[in-house]
C-alpha atoms as a PDB file:
ATOM      1  CA  MET A   1      32.365  24.900 -25.192  1.00  0.00           C
ATOM      2  CA  SER A   2      30.570  26.652 -22.371  1.00  0.00           C
ATOM      3  CA  SER A   3      27.295  24.762 -22.731  1.00  0.00           C
ATOM      4  CA  THR A   4      28.988  21.510 -21.713  1.00  0.00           C
ATOM      5  CA  ALA A   5      31.722  22.833 -19.433  1.00  0.00           C
ATOM      6  CA  ALA A   6      30.097  21.431 -16.297  1.00  0.00           C
ATOM      7  CA  HIS A   7      28.953  18.166 -17.865  1.00  0.00           C
ATOM      8  CA  LYS A   8      30.610  14.891 -16.911  1.00  0.00           C
ATOM      9  CA  VAL A   9      30.616  11.837 -19.183  1.00  0.00           C
ATOM     10  CA  LEU A  10      31.528   8.301 -18.141  1.00  0.00           C
ATOM     11  CA  VAL A  11      33.171   6.523 -21.101  1.00  0.00           C
ATOM     12  CA  VAL A  12      32.968   2.731 -20.825  1.00  0.00           C
ATOM     13  CA  ASP A  13      35.088   0.922 -23.421  1.00  0.00           C
ATOM     14  CA  ASP A  14      37.686  -1.843 -23.182  1.00  0.00           C
ATOM     15  CA  GLU A  15      39.652  -0.656 -26.228  1.00  0.00           C
ATOM     16  CA  PRO A  16      42.385   1.584 -24.728  1.00  0.00           C
ATOM     17  CA  ALA A  17      43.109   3.451 -27.965  1.00  0.00           C
ATOM     18  CA  LEU A  18      39.449   4.285 -28.591  1.00  0.00           C
ATOM     19  CA  ALA A  19      38.819   5.225 -24.963  1.00  0.00           C
ATOM     20  CA  ARG A  20      41.850   7.526 -25.044  1.00  0.00           C
ATOM     21  CA  ALA A  21      40.777   9.123 -28.340  1.00  0.00           C
ATOM     22  CA  LEU A  22      37.259   9.676 -27.046  1.00  0.00           C
ATOM     23  CA  ALA A  23      38.570  11.219 -23.832  1.00  0.00           C
ATOM     24  CA  ILE A  24      40.851  13.601 -25.742  1.00  0.00           C
ATOM     25  CA  ASN A  25      38.082  14.707 -28.094  1.00  0.00           C
ATOM     26  CA  LEU A  26      35.478  15.090 -25.365  1.00  0.00           C
ATOM     27  CA  ARG A  27      37.800  17.119 -23.150  1.00  0.00           C
ATOM     28  CA  ALA A  28      38.653  19.330 -26.136  1.00  0.00           C
ATOM     29  CA  HIS A  29      34.933  20.113 -26.368  1.00  0.00           C
ATOM     30  CA  GLY A  30      34.610  21.018 -22.693  1.00  0.00           C
ATOM     31  CA  TRP A  31      33.493  17.744 -21.148  1.00  0.00           C
ATOM     32  CA  GLU A  32      34.808  16.316 -17.900  1.00  0.00           C
ATOM     33  CA  VAL A  33      35.664  12.663 -18.648  1.00  0.00           C
ATOM     34  CA  VAL A  34      35.774   9.570 -16.452  1.00  0.00           C
ATOM     35  CA  THR A  35      36.754   6.243 -18.051  1.00  0.00           C
ATOM     36  CA  ALA A  36      36.111   2.596 -17.193  1.00  0.00           C
ATOM     37  CA  ALA A  37      37.404  -0.475 -19.041  1.00  0.00           C
ATOM     38  CA  ASP A  38      34.866  -3.065 -17.878  1.00  0.00           C
ATOM     39  CA  GLY A  39      31.349  -3.395 -16.511  1.00  0.00           C
ATOM     40  CA  ARG A  40      32.177  -3.631 -12.817  1.00  0.00           C
ATOM     41  CA  ALA A  41      34.415  -0.560 -12.993  1.00  0.00           C
ATOM     42  CA  ALA A  42      31.622   1.244 -14.863  1.00  0.00           C
ATOM     43  CA  LEU A  43      29.048   0.526 -12.155  1.00  0.00           C
ATOM     44  CA  ASP A  44      31.518   1.580  -9.452  1.00  0.00           C
ATOM     45  CA  ALA A  45      32.414   4.790 -11.315  1.00  0.00           C
ATOM     46  CA  ALA A  46      28.760   5.685 -11.888  1.00  0.00           C
ATOM     47  CA  ALA A  47      28.015   5.262  -8.192  1.00  0.00           C
ATOM     48  CA  THR A  48      30.984   7.334  -7.033  1.00  0.00           C
ATOM     49  CA  THR A  49      31.294  10.058  -9.688  1.00  0.00           C
ATOM     50  CA  HIS A  50      27.615  10.605 -10.685  1.00  0.00           C
ATOM     51  CA  PRO A  51      28.140  11.426 -14.378  1.00  0.00           C
ATOM     52  CA  ASP A  52      25.658  13.464 -16.418  1.00  0.00           C
ATOM     53  CA  VAL A  53      25.699  10.848 -19.206  1.00  0.00           C
ATOM     54  CA  VAL A  54      27.194   7.388 -19.781  1.00  0.00           C
ATOM     55  CA  LEU A  55      28.764   6.440 -23.121  1.00  0.00           C
ATOM     56  CA  LEU A  56      28.706   2.637 -23.109  1.00  0.00           C
ATOM     57  CA  ASP A  57      30.244  -0.024 -25.343  1.00  0.00           C
ATOM     58  CA  LEU A  58      28.281  -3.290 -25.218  1.00  0.00           C
ATOM     59  CA  GLY A  59      31.243  -5.642 -25.761  1.00  0.00           C
ATOM     60  CA  LEU A  60      32.939  -5.616 -22.362  1.00  0.00           C
ATOM     61  CA  PRO A  61      35.322  -8.288 -21.010  1.00  0.00           C
ATOM     62  CA  ASP A  62      33.575  -9.112 -17.729  1.00  0.00           C
ATOM     63  CA  MET A  63      29.868  -8.691 -18.508  1.00  0.00           C
ATOM     64  CA  ASP A  64      27.603  -7.770 -21.377  1.00  0.00           C
ATOM     65  CA  GLY A  65      26.780  -4.094 -21.762  1.00  0.00           C
ATOM     66  CA  GLY A  66      23.126  -4.979 -21.311  1.00  0.00           C
ATOM     67  CA  GLU A  67      23.916  -6.067 -17.750  1.00  0.00           C
ATOM     68  CA  VAL A  68      25.546  -2.685 -17.123  1.00  0.00           C
ATOM     69  CA  ILE A  69      22.428  -0.913 -18.402  1.00  0.00           C
ATOM     70  CA  ALA A  70      20.243  -3.033 -16.126  1.00  0.00           C
ATOM     71  CA  GLY A  71      22.561  -2.381 -13.184  1.00  0.00           C
ATOM     72  CA  LEU A  72      22.430   1.360 -13.716  1.00  0.00           C
ATOM     73  CA  ARG A  73      18.683   1.400 -14.225  1.00  0.00           C
ATOM     74  CA  GLY A  74      18.244  -0.256 -10.844  1.00  0.00           C
ATOM     75  CA  TRP A  75      19.033   3.039  -9.147  1.00  0.00           C
ATOM     76  CA  THR A  76      19.573   5.930 -11.559  1.00  0.00           C
ATOM     77  CA  THR A  77      17.990   7.643 -14.546  1.00  0.00           C
ATOM     78  CA  VAL A  78      21.340   8.932 -15.892  1.00  0.00           C
ATOM     79  CA  PRO A  79      21.134   9.000 -19.704  1.00  0.00           C
ATOM     80  CA  ILE A  80      22.935   6.114 -21.399  1.00  0.00           C
ATOM     81  CA  VAL A  81      24.210   6.396 -24.974  1.00  0.00           C
ATOM     82  CA  VAL A  82      25.330   3.049 -26.365  1.00  0.00           C
ATOM     83  CA  LEU A  83      28.360   3.118 -28.666  1.00  0.00           C
ATOM     84  CA  SER A  84      28.702  -0.288 -30.273  1.00  0.00           C
ATOM     85  CA  ALA A  85      29.972  -2.178 -33.302  1.00  0.00           C
ATOM     86  CA  ARG A  86      26.842  -4.334 -33.118  1.00  0.00           C
ATOM     87  CA  GLN A  87      24.650  -3.169 -35.977  1.00  0.00           C
ATOM     88  CA  HIS A  88      21.875  -5.764 -35.822  1.00  0.00           C
ATOM     89  CA  GLY A  89      18.449  -4.286 -35.181  1.00  0.00           C
ATOM     90  CA  GLU A  90      17.718  -6.707 -32.354  1.00  0.00           C
ATOM     91  CA  ASP A  91      20.796  -5.524 -30.418  1.00  0.00           C
ATOM     92  CA  LYS A  92      19.595  -1.940 -30.636  1.00  0.00           C
ATOM     93  CA  VAL A  93      16.048  -2.873 -29.608  1.00  0.00           C
ATOM     94  CA  GLU A  94      17.338  -4.914 -26.657  1.00  0.00           C
ATOM     95  CA  ALA A  95      19.564  -2.079 -25.428  1.00  0.00           C
ATOM     96  CA  LEU A  96      16.750   0.464 -25.687  1.00  0.00           C
ATOM     97  CA  ASP A  97      14.311  -1.893 -23.966  1.00  0.00           C
ATOM     98  CA  LEU A  98      16.758  -2.302 -21.093  1.00  0.00           C
ATOM     99  CA  GLY A  99      16.840   1.465 -20.606  1.00  0.00           C
ATOM    100  CA  ALA A 100      19.429   2.964 -22.954  1.00  0.00           C
ATOM    101  CA  ASP A 101      18.480   6.402 -24.273  1.00  0.00           C
ATOM    102  CA  ASP A 102      20.287   6.326 -27.610  1.00  0.00           C
ATOM    103  CA  TYR A 103      22.359   3.981 -29.787  1.00  0.00           C
ATOM    104  CA  VAL A 104      25.307   4.966 -32.006  1.00  0.00           C
ATOM    105  CA  THR A 105      27.082   2.395 -34.182  1.00  0.00           C
ATOM    106  CA  LYS A 106      30.813   2.241 -34.913  1.00  0.00           C
ATOM    107  CA  PRO A 107      32.356   3.744 -36.971  1.00  0.00           C
ATOM    108  CA  PHE A 108      30.879   7.106 -36.033  1.00  0.00           C
ATOM    109  CA  ALA A 109      31.334  10.807 -36.719  1.00  0.00           C
ATOM    110  CA  MET A 110      32.579  12.698 -33.662  1.00  0.00           C
ATOM    111  CA  ASN A 111      30.301  15.668 -34.339  1.00  0.00           C
ATOM    112  CA  GLU A 112      27.270  13.385 -34.404  1.00  0.00           C
ATOM    113  CA  LEU A 113      28.336  11.660 -31.188  1.00  0.00           C
ATOM    114  CA  LEU A 114      28.773  15.011 -29.440  1.00  0.00           C
ATOM    115  CA  ALA A 115      25.316  16.085 -30.601  1.00  0.00           C
ATOM    116  CA  ARG A 116      23.801  12.842 -29.293  1.00  0.00           C
ATOM    117  CA  LEU A 117      25.474  13.315 -25.913  1.00  0.00           C
ATOM    118  CA  ARG A 118      24.306  16.920 -25.637  1.00  0.00           C
ATOM    119  CA  ALA A 119      20.766  15.907 -26.570  1.00  0.00           C
ATOM    120  CA  ALA A 120      20.742  13.109 -23.991  1.00  0.00           C
ATOM    121  CA  VAL A 121      21.871  15.475 -21.238  1.00  0.00           C
ATOM    122  CA  ARG A 122      19.373  18.117 -22.315  1.00  0.00           C
ATOM    123  CA  ARG A 123      16.467  15.654 -22.245  1.00  0.00           C
ATOM    124  CA  SER A 124      17.576  14.455 -18.825  1.00  0.00           C
ATOM    125  CA  GLN A 125      17.690  17.993 -17.453  1.00  0.00           C
ATOM    126  CA  GLU A 126      14.249  18.779 -18.853  1.00  0.00           C
ATOM    127  CA  ALA A 127      12.715  15.679 -17.276  1.00  0.00           C
ATOM    128  CA  ALA A 128      11.392  15.634 -13.743  1.00  0.00           C
ATOM    129  CA  PRO A 129      14.205  15.098 -11.251  1.00  0.00           C
ATOM    130  CA  ALA A 130      14.476  11.604  -9.834  1.00  0.00           C
ATOM    131  CA  SER A 131      16.419  10.141  -6.941  1.00  0.00           C
ATOM    132  CA  THR A 132      19.888   8.877  -7.839  1.00  0.00           C
ATOM    133  CA  GLN A 133      20.680   7.555  -4.370  1.00  0.00           C
ATOM    134  CA  SER A 134      22.494   4.272  -4.884  1.00  0.00           C
ATOM    135  CA  VAL A 135      22.890   3.177  -1.247  1.00  0.00           C
ATOM    136  CA  VAL A 136      19.785   2.915   0.917  1.00  0.00           C
ATOM    137  CA  VAL A 137      19.987   2.244   4.658  1.00  0.00           C
ATOM    138  CA  VAL A 138      17.001   0.507   6.227  1.00  0.00           C
ATOM    139  CA  GLY A 139      17.585  -0.189   9.920  1.00  0.00           C
ATOM    140  CA  ASP A 140      20.542  -2.561  10.092  1.00  0.00           C
ATOM    141  CA  LEU A 141      20.352  -3.227   6.342  1.00  0.00           C
ATOM    142  CA  THR A 142      22.548  -1.470   3.771  1.00  0.00           C
ATOM    143  CA  ILE A 143      21.146  -1.942   0.262  1.00  0.00           C
ATOM    144  CA  ASP A 144      23.516  -1.006  -2.562  1.00  0.00           C
ATOM    145  CA  LEU A 145      21.379  -0.694  -5.695  1.00  0.00           C
ATOM    146  CA  ALA A 146      24.319   0.046  -7.990  1.00  0.00           C
ATOM    147  CA  ARG A 147      26.337  -2.999  -6.996  1.00  0.00           C
ATOM    148  CA  LYS A 148      23.294  -5.226  -6.345  1.00  0.00           C
ATOM    149  CA  ARG A 149      24.400  -6.070  -2.815  1.00  0.00           C
ATOM    150  CA  VAL A 150      22.797  -6.052   0.599  1.00  0.00           C
ATOM    151  CA  ALA A 151      24.498  -6.259   3.976  1.00  0.00           C
ATOM    152  CA  ARG A 152      23.032  -6.776   7.447  1.00  0.00           C
ATOM    153  CA  ASP A 153      25.056  -5.299  10.298  1.00  0.00           C
ATOM    154  CA  GLY A 154      27.933  -4.929   7.833  1.00  0.00           C
ATOM    155  CA  VAL A 155      27.897  -8.578   6.749  1.00  0.00           C
ATOM    156  CA  ASP A 156      27.033  -9.339   3.107  1.00  0.00           C
ATOM    157  CA  VAL A 157      23.841 -11.342   2.629  1.00  0.00           C
ATOM    158  CA  ARG A 158      23.712 -13.644  -0.389  1.00  0.00           C
ATOM    159  CA  LEU A 159      20.454 -13.328  -2.323  1.00  0.00           C
ATOM    160  CA  THR A 160      19.271 -15.236  -5.367  1.00  0.00           C
ATOM    161  CA  PRO A 161      18.580 -13.122  -8.480  1.00  0.00           C
ATOM    162  CA  THR A 162      14.829 -13.385  -7.839  1.00  0.00           C
ATOM    163  CA  GLU A 163      15.170 -12.422  -4.174  1.00  0.00           C
ATOM    164  CA  TRP A 164      17.278  -9.436  -5.209  1.00  0.00           C
ATOM    165  CA  ALA A 165      14.735  -8.343  -7.840  1.00  0.00           C
ATOM    166  CA  PHE A 166      11.984  -8.474  -5.190  1.00  0.00           C
ATOM    167  CA  LEU A 167      14.058  -6.471  -2.685  1.00  0.00           C
ATOM    168  CA  GLU A 168      15.201  -3.975  -5.331  1.00  0.00           C
ATOM    169  CA  LEU A 169      11.605  -3.233  -6.358  1.00  0.00           C
ATOM    170  CA  LEU A 170      10.571  -2.619  -2.742  1.00  0.00           C
ATOM    171  CA  THR A 171      13.669  -0.492  -2.116  1.00  0.00           C
ATOM    172  CA  ARG A 172      12.921   1.728  -5.125  1.00  0.00           C
ATOM    173  CA  ASN A 173       9.481   2.259  -3.578  1.00  0.00           C
ATOM    174  CA  LEU A 174      10.724   2.649  -0.005  1.00  0.00           C
ATOM    175  CA  GLY A 175       7.865   3.310   2.417  1.00  0.00           C
ATOM    176  CA  ARG A 176       5.204   2.841  -0.275  1.00  0.00           C
ATOM    177  CA  LEU A 177       2.889  -0.125  -0.731  1.00  0.00           C
ATOM    178  CA  VAL A 178       3.763  -2.111  -3.861  1.00  0.00           C
ATOM    179  CA  PRO A 179       0.686  -4.075  -5.039  1.00  0.00           C
ATOM    180  CA  ARG A 180       1.011  -7.851  -5.341  1.00  0.00           C
ATOM    181  CA  GLU A 181       0.261  -7.732  -9.067  1.00  0.00           C
ATOM    182  CA  GLN A 182       3.062  -5.220  -9.661  1.00  0.00           C
ATOM    183  CA  VAL A 183       5.590  -7.356  -7.787  1.00  0.00           C
ATOM    184  CA  LEU A 184       4.634 -10.449  -9.764  1.00  0.00           C
ATOM    185  CA  ARG A 185       4.663  -8.564 -13.064  1.00  0.00           C
ATOM    186  CA  GLU A 186       8.026  -6.851 -12.542  1.00  0.00           C
ATOM    187  CA  VAL A 187       9.878  -9.714 -10.842  1.00  0.00           C
ATOM    188  CA  TRP A 188       8.446 -12.784 -12.590  1.00  0.00           C
ATOM    189  CA  GLY A 189       6.735 -11.368 -15.685  1.00  0.00           C
ATOM    190  CA  PRO A 190       3.183 -10.600 -16.895  1.00  0.00           C
ATOM    191  CA  ALA A 191       2.226 -14.286 -17.095  1.00  0.00           C
ATOM    192  CA  TYR A 192       2.649 -14.633 -13.311  1.00  0.00           C
ATOM    193  CA  GLU A 193       0.341 -11.841 -12.107  1.00  0.00           C
ATOM    194  CA  HIS A 194      -1.945 -14.282 -10.284  1.00  0.00           C
ATOM    195  CA  GLU A 195       0.707 -16.632  -8.861  1.00  0.00           C
ATOM    196  CA  THR A 196       0.491 -15.218  -5.330  1.00  0.00           C
ATOM    197  CA  ASN A 197       2.078 -18.359  -3.849  1.00  0.00           C
ATOM    198  CA  TYR A 198       5.400 -17.127  -5.300  1.00  0.00           C
ATOM    199  CA  LEU A 199       5.123 -14.007  -3.164  1.00  0.00           C
ATOM    200  CA  ARG A 200       4.555 -15.848   0.096  1.00  0.00           C
ATOM    201  CA  VAL A 201       7.534 -18.118  -0.499  1.00  0.00           C
ATOM    202  CA  TYR A 202       9.968 -15.371  -1.499  1.00  0.00           C
ATOM    203  CA  ALA A 203       8.815 -12.896   1.134  1.00  0.00           C
ATOM    204  CA  ALA A 204       9.434 -15.570   3.769  1.00  0.00           C
ATOM    205  CA  GLN A 205      12.889 -16.296   2.338  1.00  0.00           C
ATOM    206  CA  LEU A 206      13.806 -12.599   2.389  1.00  0.00           C
ATOM    207  CA  ARG A 207      12.626 -12.218   5.971  1.00  0.00           C
ATOM    208  CA  ARG A 208      14.738 -15.184   7.076  1.00  0.00           C
ATOM    209  CA  LYS A 209      17.791 -13.569   5.517  1.00  0.00           C
ATOM    210  CA  LEU A 210      17.178  -9.915   6.356  1.00  0.00           C
ATOM    211  CA  GLU A 211      15.029  -9.602   9.468  1.00  0.00           C
ATOM    212  CA  ALA A 212      16.362  -9.997  13.026  1.00  0.00           C
ATOM    213  CA  ASP A 213      13.099 -11.758  13.913  1.00  0.00           C
ATOM    214  CA  PRO A 214      11.449 -13.135  10.767  1.00  0.00           C
ATOM    215  CA  SER A 215       8.274 -13.964  12.691  1.00  0.00           C
ATOM    216  CA  ALA A 216       7.870 -10.297  13.679  1.00  0.00           C
ATOM    217  CA  PRO A 217       9.316  -8.359  10.703  1.00  0.00           C
ATOM    218  CA  ARG A 218      10.140  -4.678  11.129  1.00  0.00           C
ATOM    219  CA  HIS A 219      10.958  -3.812   7.527  1.00  0.00           C
ATOM    220  CA  LEU A 220       9.412  -6.197   4.988  1.00  0.00           C
ATOM    221  CA  ILE A 221       5.744  -5.754   5.782  1.00  0.00           C
ATOM    222  CA  THR A 222       2.844  -7.633   4.208  1.00  0.00           C
ATOM    223  CA  SER A 223      -0.527  -5.928   3.767  1.00  0.00           C
ATOM    224  CA  ALA A 224      -2.831  -8.947   3.489  1.00  0.00           C
ATOM    225  CA  GLY A 225      -4.466  -9.162   0.079  1.00  0.00           C
ATOM    226  CA  LEU A 226      -2.817  -5.915  -1.076  1.00  0.00           C
ATOM    227  CA  GLY A 227       0.940  -6.069  -1.364  1.00  0.00           C
ATOM    228  CA  TYR A 228       4.286  -5.378   0.309  1.00  0.00           C
ATOM    229  CA  THR A 229       6.109  -2.422   1.813  1.00  0.00           C
ATOM    230  CA  LEU A 230       9.754  -1.996   2.758  1.00  0.00           C
ATOM    231  CA  GLU A 231       9.549   0.211   5.844  1.00  0.00           C
ATOM    232  CA  PRO A 232      12.557   2.395   6.684  1.00  0.00           C
END
């Protein structure tokens, strides 16, 4: 099928027979197929192969599919079509809220699945292009948004989930001021928009871990009363 000849799909499913059947059918319809059997392999494959769409099962052996969606959405807008046996409405709502683009329940008709994949790719191509860079280098820091890791001078730095969320938000807005209220809202939640003491504590913790001289930071810059910037 010429309209999908150049399109690449990442199939994430831990059932070998289903993954193999999907790959055979998709290739027969002109798709290039990459497969992954668990969440970590899926995140690695997305970062290295840059698929046009991800077909994701939620029931994975190492992590929930929702965590994979969140991991992908930290750095890419690649369309995600969930393929799951979970038919409860709340599962669908949760997946869509996390950033999935569509949700197909098992059992499914192959023709419908193909149509959903084509539609997801088409919508993605019609949207404004966005950066899909997964590794950002800031001075001596290497920030891997896909794998949720940061290294300083090649040595991994251990961050808490909250510290990572703070750093990830600044990295996605590299060089731009992120207002205090936005940081609080996106990292801690809407109820914390005025808890500025959280920001001072966590910014100081990040500087101690990431800056060569935390007292004279080069990258994590505070604009008093306004917000924070991660300077390249």
